[in-house]
Structures are given as C-alpha cells and as structure tokens.
Amino acid sequence: MDVRPGDILMMKKEHPCKNKEFLVLRAGMDFRIRCTKCGREIMAPRAKIEKNIKKSFGKVPPCRSGNLAPIDV
C-alpha cells in the first residue's frame, strides 16, 4: 500500500480516545502516526500498521487541518 507522510488513515481498531483516524508523520520500515483527536504519537512496524488500515484518505484537506492536534517541536 502506498502511504506517504501527510496522509490520513482510518484504522480497523480505535485508539483509547475512541478515534480511528491517524495522520502519517513518517513512513519507511516503521510508521510514526498521530491520533487526530488527542495528538498522541505512535511508532509501529510497517507490517502492523498496513495490516490494520481500513481506509486511506490521502493528503489532509485544508478544511480538516484545523481539527488536528498541534505538532510538538
């Protein structure tokens, strides 16, 4: 599956905050994804993430970018 940084993924299983949508921050041998509701970042192996993807939304639309948790720098 072609997943790139900036894509939104809908997962099969929900995060403990009851959200299923995650923003891809890093894609490679492992993924770094961020919950779009609470902002928690998760790093997991590529195989585990790809197995649990239900749907991919591609790039973040401008109207939805306001709903994402801020990036910690």
Protein backbone atom coordinates (compact mmCIF):
# COMPACT_ATOMS: atom_id res chain seq x y z
CA MET A 1 0.00 0.00 0.00
CA ASP A 2 1.32 3.44 -0.91
CA VAL A 3 1.22 5.51 2.28
CA ARG A 4 3.01 8.84 2.45
CA PRO A 5 3.58 11.45 5.17
CA GLY A 6 0.58 13.76 5.38
CA ASP A 7 -1.97 11.02 4.60
CA ILE A 8 -4.88 10.33 6.95
CA LEU A 9 -5.51 6.66 7.76
CA MET A 10 -8.68 5.12 9.17
CA MET A 11 -7.71 2.09 11.22
CA LYS A 12 -9.73 -1.06 11.99
CA LYS A 13 -9.15 -0.68 15.73
CA GLU A 14 -9.73 2.55 17.60
CA HIS A 15 -7.32 4.41 19.85
CA PRO A 16 -8.23 4.52 23.58
CA CYS A 17 -9.63 8.05 22.99
CA LYS A 18 -12.26 6.41 20.70
CA ASN A 19 -10.78 7.80 17.45
CA LYS A 20 -9.90 5.75 14.36
CA GLU A 21 -8.19 8.44 12.25
CA PHE A 22 -4.42 8.96 12.29
CA LEU A 23 -2.08 11.34 10.47
CA VAL A 24 1.07 9.78 8.97
CA LEU A 25 4.17 11.66 10.10
CA ARG A 26 6.83 9.20 8.87
CA ALA A 27 6.69 6.24 6.52
CA GLY A 28 9.50 3.75 5.99
CA MET A 29 10.30 0.41 7.61
CA ASP A 30 8.24 1.72 10.50
CA PHE A 31 5.49 4.32 10.72
CA ARG A 32 5.08 7.29 13.05
CA ILE A 33 1.40 8.23 13.21
CA ARG A 34 -0.50 10.80 15.28
CA CYS A 35 -4.05 10.45 16.57
CA THR A 36 -6.10 13.28 15.05
CA LYS A 37 -8.21 13.62 18.21
CA CYS A 38 -5.81 13.56 21.17
CA GLY A 39 -2.47 14.12 19.39
CA ARG A 40 -0.71 11.05 20.83
CA GLU A 41 2.10 9.81 18.57
CA ILE A 42 2.66 6.11 17.95
CA MET A 43 5.60 4.41 16.26
CA ALA A 44 4.98 0.89 14.96
CA PRO A 45 6.38 -1.51 12.33
CA ARG A 46 5.11 -1.08 8.78
CA ALA A 47 3.57 -4.58 8.66
CA LYS A 48 1.44 -3.94 11.76
CA ILE A 49 0.15 -0.57 10.51
CA GLU A 50 -0.61 -1.80 6.98
CA LYS A 51 -2.47 -4.81 8.40
CA ASN A 52 -4.73 -2.51 10.44
CA ILE A 53 -5.53 0.10 7.76
CA LYS A 54 -9.21 0.17 6.88
CA LYS A 55 -9.15 3.22 4.57
CA SER A 56 -6.67 5.86 3.39
CA PHE A 57 -7.80 9.46 2.75
CA GLY A 58 -4.63 10.74 1.08
CA LYS A 59 -3.41 14.25 1.93
CA VAL A 60 -5.04 16.31 4.69
CA PRO A 61 -7.71 18.57 3.16
CA PRO A 62 -7.28 22.24 4.19
CA CYS A 63 -10.71 22.31 5.91
CA ARG A 64 -9.73 19.42 8.22
CA SER A 65 -6.28 20.66 9.17
CA GLY A 66 -7.78 22.83 11.94
CA ASN A 67 -9.05 19.74 13.78
CA LEU A 68 -5.62 18.17 14.19
CA ALA A 69 -3.69 18.38 17.43
CA PRO A 70 -0.70 20.76 17.30
CA ILE A 71 2.75 19.44 16.48
CA ASP A 72 5.20 19.36 19.40
CA VAL A 73 8.54 20.74 18.32
